[in-house]
Amino acid sequence: MNITSTAAIVTLMYGVLAIMGGAIGYQQARSKVSLISGSASGALLLVAAVGLLQNQGWGLVLAIAVTVLLIIVFVGRLIKTRKLMPAGLMIVVGVATLATLLQALG
């Protein structure tokens, strides 16, 4: 398995996690913002993963951009709420995803 395939799989998993997190946020708190933002960011990550699998440069750029944005958002949320879940999980997985994507960048 090459680094591009690994980056695609990690991006796919992060996208699914974002979608699931948005759905759980909606279910628990009736937060439409969580549902919309989780679905949108997750969908963008899934599209980026498809681009990565097709060796499209835009897939890597999109994955990096969305991942960095999510890390920033969740660091802000962690600082504001001081709750480890879900912010801490999304930060840890986001940083791991970003590291894989930057390695694929070369």
N, C-alpha and C. Protein backbone atom coordinates (compact mmCIF):
# COMPACT_ATOMS: atom_id res chain seq x y z
N MET A 1 0.86 -1.18 0.00
CA MET A 1 0.00 0.00 0.00
C MET A 1 0.90 1.24 0.00
N ASN A 2 0.68 2.12 -0.95
CA ASN A 2 1.50 3.32 -1.02
C ASN A 2 0.93 4.43 -0.14
N ILE A 3 1.68 5.51 0.01
CA ILE A 3 1.30 6.58 0.92
C ILE A 3 0.02 7.28 0.47
N THR A 4 -0.22 7.35 -0.83
CA THR A 4 -1.44 7.99 -1.32
C THR A 4 -2.66 7.16 -0.93
N SER A 5 -2.56 5.85 -1.02
CA SER A 5 -3.66 4.98 -0.60
C SER A 5 -3.89 5.10 0.90
N THR A 6 -2.82 5.14 1.66
CA THR A 6 -2.93 5.31 3.11
C THR A 6 -3.59 6.64 3.44
N ALA A 7 -3.17 7.70 2.76
CA ALA A 7 -3.76 9.02 2.98
C ALA A 7 -5.25 9.02 2.64
N ALA A 8 -5.62 8.32 1.58
CA ALA A 8 -7.02 8.24 1.19
C ALA A 8 -7.84 7.51 2.24
N ILE A 9 -7.32 6.42 2.76
CA ILE A 9 -8.04 5.64 3.77
C ILE A 9 -8.20 6.45 5.06
N VAL A 10 -7.12 7.12 5.49
CA VAL A 10 -7.18 7.93 6.71
C VAL A 10 -8.16 9.09 6.51
N THR A 11 -8.15 9.71 5.35
CA THR A 11 -9.08 10.80 5.06
C THR A 11 -10.51 10.30 5.05
N LEU A 12 -10.73 9.14 4.48
CA LEU A 12 -12.06 8.53 4.47
C LEU A 12 -12.55 8.28 5.89
N MET A 13 -11.70 7.75 6.74
CA MET A 13 -12.09 7.46 8.12
C MET A 13 -12.39 8.76 8.89
N TYR A 14 -11.59 9.79 8.66
CA TYR A 14 -11.83 11.07 9.34
C TYR A 14 -13.15 11.68 8.86
N GLY A 15 -13.44 11.52 7.58
CA GLY A 15 -14.70 12.02 7.03
C GLY A 15 -15.90 11.30 7.64
N VAL A 16 -15.81 9.99 7.76
CA VAL A 16 -16.90 9.22 8.37
C VAL A 16 -17.07 9.63 9.84
N LEU A 17 -15.95 9.82 10.54
CA LEU A 17 -16.01 10.26 11.94
C LEU A 17 -16.68 11.63 12.07
N ALA A 18 -16.37 12.54 11.15
CA ALA A 18 -16.99 13.87 11.17
C ALA A 18 -18.50 13.77 10.96
N ILE A 19 -18.92 12.95 10.01
CA ILE A 19 -20.35 12.77 9.75
C ILE A 19 -21.04 12.15 10.96
N MET A 20 -20.44 11.12 11.52
CA MET A 20 -21.02 10.47 12.69
C MET A 20 -21.10 11.43 13.87
N GLY A 21 -20.05 12.22 14.05
CA GLY A 21 -20.04 13.20 15.14
C GLY A 21 -21.13 14.24 14.99
N GLY A 22 -21.34 14.69 13.78
CA GLY A 22 -22.42 15.65 13.52
C GLY A 22 -23.78 15.05 13.82
N ALA A 23 -23.96 13.80 13.43
CA ALA A 23 -25.24 13.12 13.68
C ALA A 23 -25.46 12.90 15.18
N ILE A 24 -24.41 12.52 15.89
CA ILE A 24 -24.52 12.33 17.33
C ILE A 24 -24.79 13.66 18.03
N GLY A 25 -24.13 14.72 17.59
CA GLY A 25 -24.37 16.05 18.15
C GLY A 25 -25.81 16.49 17.96
N TYR A 26 -26.36 16.16 16.81
CA TYR A 26 -27.76 16.50 16.56
C TYR A 26 -28.68 15.66 17.43
N GLN A 27 -28.38 14.38 17.53
CA GLN A 27 -29.22 13.47 18.30
C GLN A 27 -29.23 13.85 19.79
N GLN A 28 -28.07 14.19 20.33
CA GLN A 28 -27.97 14.47 21.76
C GLN A 28 -28.45 15.87 22.13
N ALA A 29 -28.12 16.86 21.31
CA ALA A 29 -28.40 18.25 21.69
C ALA A 29 -29.34 18.96 20.72
N ARG A 30 -29.83 18.21 19.72
CA ARG A 30 -30.67 18.82 18.68
C ARG A 30 -29.96 20.01 18.03
N SER A 31 -28.65 19.87 17.88
CA SER A 31 -27.83 20.92 17.29
C SER A 31 -27.79 20.76 15.78
N LYS A 32 -28.55 21.64 15.10
CA LYS A 32 -28.53 21.61 13.64
C LYS A 32 -27.18 22.03 13.10
N VAL A 33 -26.49 22.90 13.83
CA VAL A 33 -25.15 23.34 13.43
C VAL A 33 -24.21 22.14 13.39
N SER A 34 -24.28 21.28 14.40
CA SER A 34 -23.43 20.08 14.42
C SER A 34 -23.74 19.18 13.24
N LEU A 35 -25.02 18.99 12.98
CA LEU A 35 -25.43 18.12 11.88
C LEU A 35 -24.95 18.66 10.53
N ILE A 36 -25.16 19.95 10.30
CA ILE A 36 -24.77 20.56 9.03
C ILE A 36 -23.26 20.61 8.87
N SER A 37 -22.56 21.07 9.90
CA SER A 37 -21.10 21.20 9.78
C SER A 37 -20.43 19.83 9.72
N GLY A 38 -20.92 18.87 10.50
CA GLY A 38 -20.36 17.53 10.44
C GLY A 38 -20.59 16.87 9.10
N SER A 39 -21.80 17.05 8.58
CA SER A 39 -22.12 16.45 7.27
C SER A 39 -21.32 17.12 6.15
N ALA A 40 -21.22 18.43 6.19
CA ALA A 40 -20.51 19.16 5.13
C ALA A 40 -19.02 18.84 5.15
N SER A 41 -18.40 18.92 6.34
CA SER A 41 -16.96 18.66 6.40
C SER A 41 -16.68 17.19 6.10
N GLY A 42 -17.53 16.30 6.60
CA GLY A 42 -17.35 14.88 6.30
C GLY A 42 -17.49 14.58 4.82
N ALA A 43 -18.49 15.19 4.19
CA ALA A 43 -18.67 14.98 2.75
C ALA A 43 -17.47 15.50 1.96
N LEU A 44 -16.95 16.65 2.34
CA LEU A 44 -15.77 17.18 1.67
C LEU A 44 -14.57 16.25 1.83
N LEU A 45 -14.43 15.67 3.02
CA LEU A 45 -13.33 14.72 3.23
C LEU A 45 -13.53 13.45 2.42
N LEU A 46 -14.77 12.99 2.27
CA LEU A 46 -15.03 11.81 1.44
C LEU A 46 -14.71 12.10 -0.03
N VAL A 47 -15.08 13.28 -0.50
CA VAL A 47 -14.75 13.69 -1.88
C VAL A 47 -13.23 13.75 -2.05
N ALA A 48 -12.55 14.31 -1.05
CA ALA A 48 -11.09 14.41 -1.10
C ALA A 48 -10.46 13.01 -1.14
N ALA A 49 -11.02 12.07 -0.39
CA ALA A 49 -10.50 10.71 -0.38
C ALA A 49 -10.63 10.07 -1.76
N VAL A 50 -11.75 10.31 -2.43
CA VAL A 50 -11.93 9.80 -3.79
C VAL A 50 -10.87 10.43 -4.71
N GLY A 51 -10.66 11.73 -4.58
CA GLY A 51 -9.62 12.39 -5.37
C GLY A 51 -8.24 11.81 -5.10
N LEU A 52 -7.95 11.52 -3.85
CA LEU A 52 -6.66 10.91 -3.50
C LEU A 52 -6.51 9.53 -4.15
N LEU A 53 -7.58 8.75 -4.12
CA LEU A 53 -7.53 7.41 -4.73
C LEU A 53 -7.30 7.48 -6.23
N GLN A 54 -7.73 8.59 -6.85
CA GLN A 54 -7.54 8.78 -8.28
C GLN A 54 -6.27 9.56 -8.59
N ASN A 55 -5.44 9.76 -7.58
CA ASN A 55 -4.16 10.49 -7.71
C ASN A 55 -4.36 11.91 -8.24
N GLN A 56 -5.44 12.55 -7.81
CA GLN A 56 -5.72 13.93 -8.20
C GLN A 56 -5.11 14.87 -7.15
N GLY A 57 -4.36 15.84 -7.59
CA GLY A 57 -3.73 16.79 -6.68
C GLY A 57 -4.72 17.57 -5.84
N TRP A 58 -5.88 17.87 -6.41
CA TRP A 58 -6.88 18.62 -5.67
C TRP A 58 -7.39 17.84 -4.47
N GLY A 59 -7.38 16.51 -4.54
CA GLY A 59 -7.83 15.69 -3.42
C GLY A 59 -6.97 15.90 -2.19
N LEU A 60 -5.66 15.96 -2.42
CA LEU A 60 -4.73 16.19 -1.31
C LEU A 60 -4.89 17.59 -0.75
N VAL A 61 -5.01 18.57 -1.63
CA VAL A 61 -5.18 19.96 -1.19
C VAL A 61 -6.47 20.12 -0.39
N LEU A 62 -7.56 19.55 -0.90
CA LEU A 62 -8.85 19.64 -0.21
C LEU A 62 -8.79 18.94 1.14
N ALA A 63 -8.20 17.76 1.19
CA ALA A 63 -8.10 17.01 2.45
C ALA A 63 -7.30 17.79 3.49
N ILE A 64 -6.19 18.38 3.08
CA ILE A 64 -5.37 19.16 4.00
C ILE A 64 -6.14 20.38 4.50
N ALA A 65 -6.80 21.09 3.58
CA ALA A 65 -7.53 22.31 3.95
C ALA A 65 -8.66 22.00 4.95
N VAL A 66 -9.45 20.98 4.68
CA VAL A 66 -10.57 20.64 5.57
C VAL A 66 -10.05 20.14 6.92
N THR A 67 -8.99 19.34 6.89
CA THR A 67 -8.42 18.81 8.13
C THR A 67 -7.87 19.94 9.00
N VAL A 68 -7.14 20.87 8.41
CA VAL A 68 -6.61 22.01 9.17
C VAL A 68 -7.75 22.83 9.75
N LEU A 69 -8.78 23.08 8.95
CA LEU A 69 -9.93 23.83 9.43
C LEU A 69 -10.60 23.13 10.62
N LEU A 70 -10.79 21.83 10.52
CA LEU A 70 -11.41 21.09 11.62
C LEU A 70 -10.55 21.12 12.88
N ILE A 71 -9.25 20.99 12.72
CA ILE A 71 -8.36 21.06 13.88
C ILE A 71 -8.51 22.42 14.57
N ILE A 72 -8.51 23.49 13.79
CA ILE A 72 -8.65 24.84 14.36
C ILE A 72 -9.99 24.98 15.08
N VAL A 73 -11.06 24.54 14.45
CA VAL A 73 -12.39 24.64 15.05
C VAL A 73 -12.45 23.86 16.37
N PHE A 74 -11.91 22.65 16.37
CA PHE A 74 -12.01 21.83 17.58
C PHE A 74 -11.04 22.27 18.67
N VAL A 75 -9.91 22.86 18.32
CA VAL A 75 -9.05 23.45 19.36
C VAL A 75 -9.81 24.60 20.03
N GLY A 76 -10.46 25.44 19.23
CA GLY A 76 -11.27 26.53 19.79
C GLY A 76 -12.38 26.00 20.67
N ARG A 77 -13.04 24.94 20.23
CA ARG A 77 -14.13 24.36 21.03
C ARG A 77 -13.60 23.77 22.33
N LEU A 78 -12.44 23.11 22.28
CA LEU A 78 -11.84 22.54 23.48
C LEU A 78 -11.48 23.64 24.48
N ILE A 79 -10.92 24.72 23.99
CA ILE A 79 -10.58 25.85 24.87
C ILE A 79 -11.84 26.44 25.49
N LYS A 80 -12.88 26.57 24.69
CA LYS A 80 -14.13 27.18 25.17
C LYS A 80 -14.88 26.30 26.16
N THR A 81 -15.04 25.01 25.83
CA THR A 81 -15.87 24.14 26.66
C THR A 81 -15.09 23.36 27.70
N ARG A 82 -13.81 23.18 27.47
CA ARG A 82 -12.95 22.35 28.31
C ARG A 82 -13.44 20.91 28.43
N LYS A 83 -14.20 20.47 27.43
CA LYS A 83 -14.68 19.09 27.38
C LYS A 83 -13.86 18.31 26.37
N LEU A 84 -13.31 17.20 26.84
CA LEU A 84 -12.44 16.41 25.97
C LEU A 84 -13.20 15.75 24.82
N MET A 85 -14.44 15.41 25.03
CA MET A 85 -15.23 14.79 23.97
C MET A 85 -16.26 15.79 23.46
N PRO A 86 -16.40 15.97 22.19
CA PRO A 86 -15.73 15.29 21.10
C PRO A 86 -14.47 16.01 20.61
N ALA A 87 -14.21 17.20 21.16
CA ALA A 87 -13.12 18.03 20.62
C ALA A 87 -11.77 17.34 20.68
N GLY A 88 -11.44 16.74 21.80
CA GLY A 88 -10.14 16.09 21.94
C GLY A 88 -9.94 14.97 20.94
N LEU A 89 -10.97 14.16 20.76
CA LEU A 89 -10.90 13.06 19.80
C LEU A 89 -10.69 13.59 18.39
N MET A 90 -11.46 14.61 18.01
CA MET A 90 -11.34 15.16 16.66
C MET A 90 -9.98 15.84 16.44
N ILE A 91 -9.41 16.41 17.49
CA ILE A 91 -8.08 17.02 17.37
C ILE A 91 -7.03 15.93 17.16
N VAL A 92 -7.07 14.89 17.98
CA VAL A 92 -6.07 13.81 17.88
C VAL A 92 -6.15 13.13 16.52
N VAL A 93 -7.36 12.77 16.10
CA VAL A 93 -7.52 12.11 14.80
C VAL A 93 -7.17 13.07 13.67
N GLY A 94 -7.52 14.35 13.84
CA GLY A 94 -7.19 15.36 12.83
C GLY A 94 -5.69 15.54 12.65
N VAL A 95 -4.96 15.59 13.76
CA VAL A 95 -3.50 15.74 13.68
C VAL A 95 -2.87 14.51 13.03
N ALA A 96 -3.37 13.32 13.38
CA ALA A 96 -2.86 12.10 12.75
C ALA A 96 -3.16 12.10 11.25
N THR A 97 -4.35 12.54 10.89
CA THR A 97 -4.73 12.63 9.47
C THR A 97 -3.84 13.63 8.75
N LEU A 98 -3.64 14.80 9.38
CA LEU A 98 -2.81 15.83 8.77
C LEU A 98 -1.38 15.33 8.57
N ALA A 99 -0.84 14.62 9.55
CA ALA A 99 0.52 14.09 9.43
C ALA A 99 0.62 13.14 8.24
N THR A 100 -0.38 12.29 8.07
CA THR A 100 -0.39 11.35 6.94
C THR A 100 -0.50 12.10 5.61
N LEU A 101 -1.35 13.12 5.60
CA LEU A 101 -1.52 13.89 4.36
C LEU A 101 -0.25 14.66 4.00
N LEU A 102 0.40 15.23 5.00
CA LEU A 102 1.65 15.96 4.73
C LEU A 102 2.75 15.02 4.26
N GLN A 103 2.75 13.80 4.78
CA GLN A 103 3.71 12.80 4.31
C GLN A 103 3.44 12.46 2.84
N ALA A 104 2.16 12.38 2.46
CA ALA A 104 1.81 12.11 1.06
C ALA A 104 2.19 13.27 0.16
N LEU A 105 2.20 14.47 0.74
CA LEU A 105 2.58 15.67 -0.02
C LEU A 105 4.03 15.59 -0.47
N GLY A 106 4.82 14.90 0.33
CA GLY A 106 6.22 14.69 -0.05
C GLY A 106 7.10 15.57 0.67
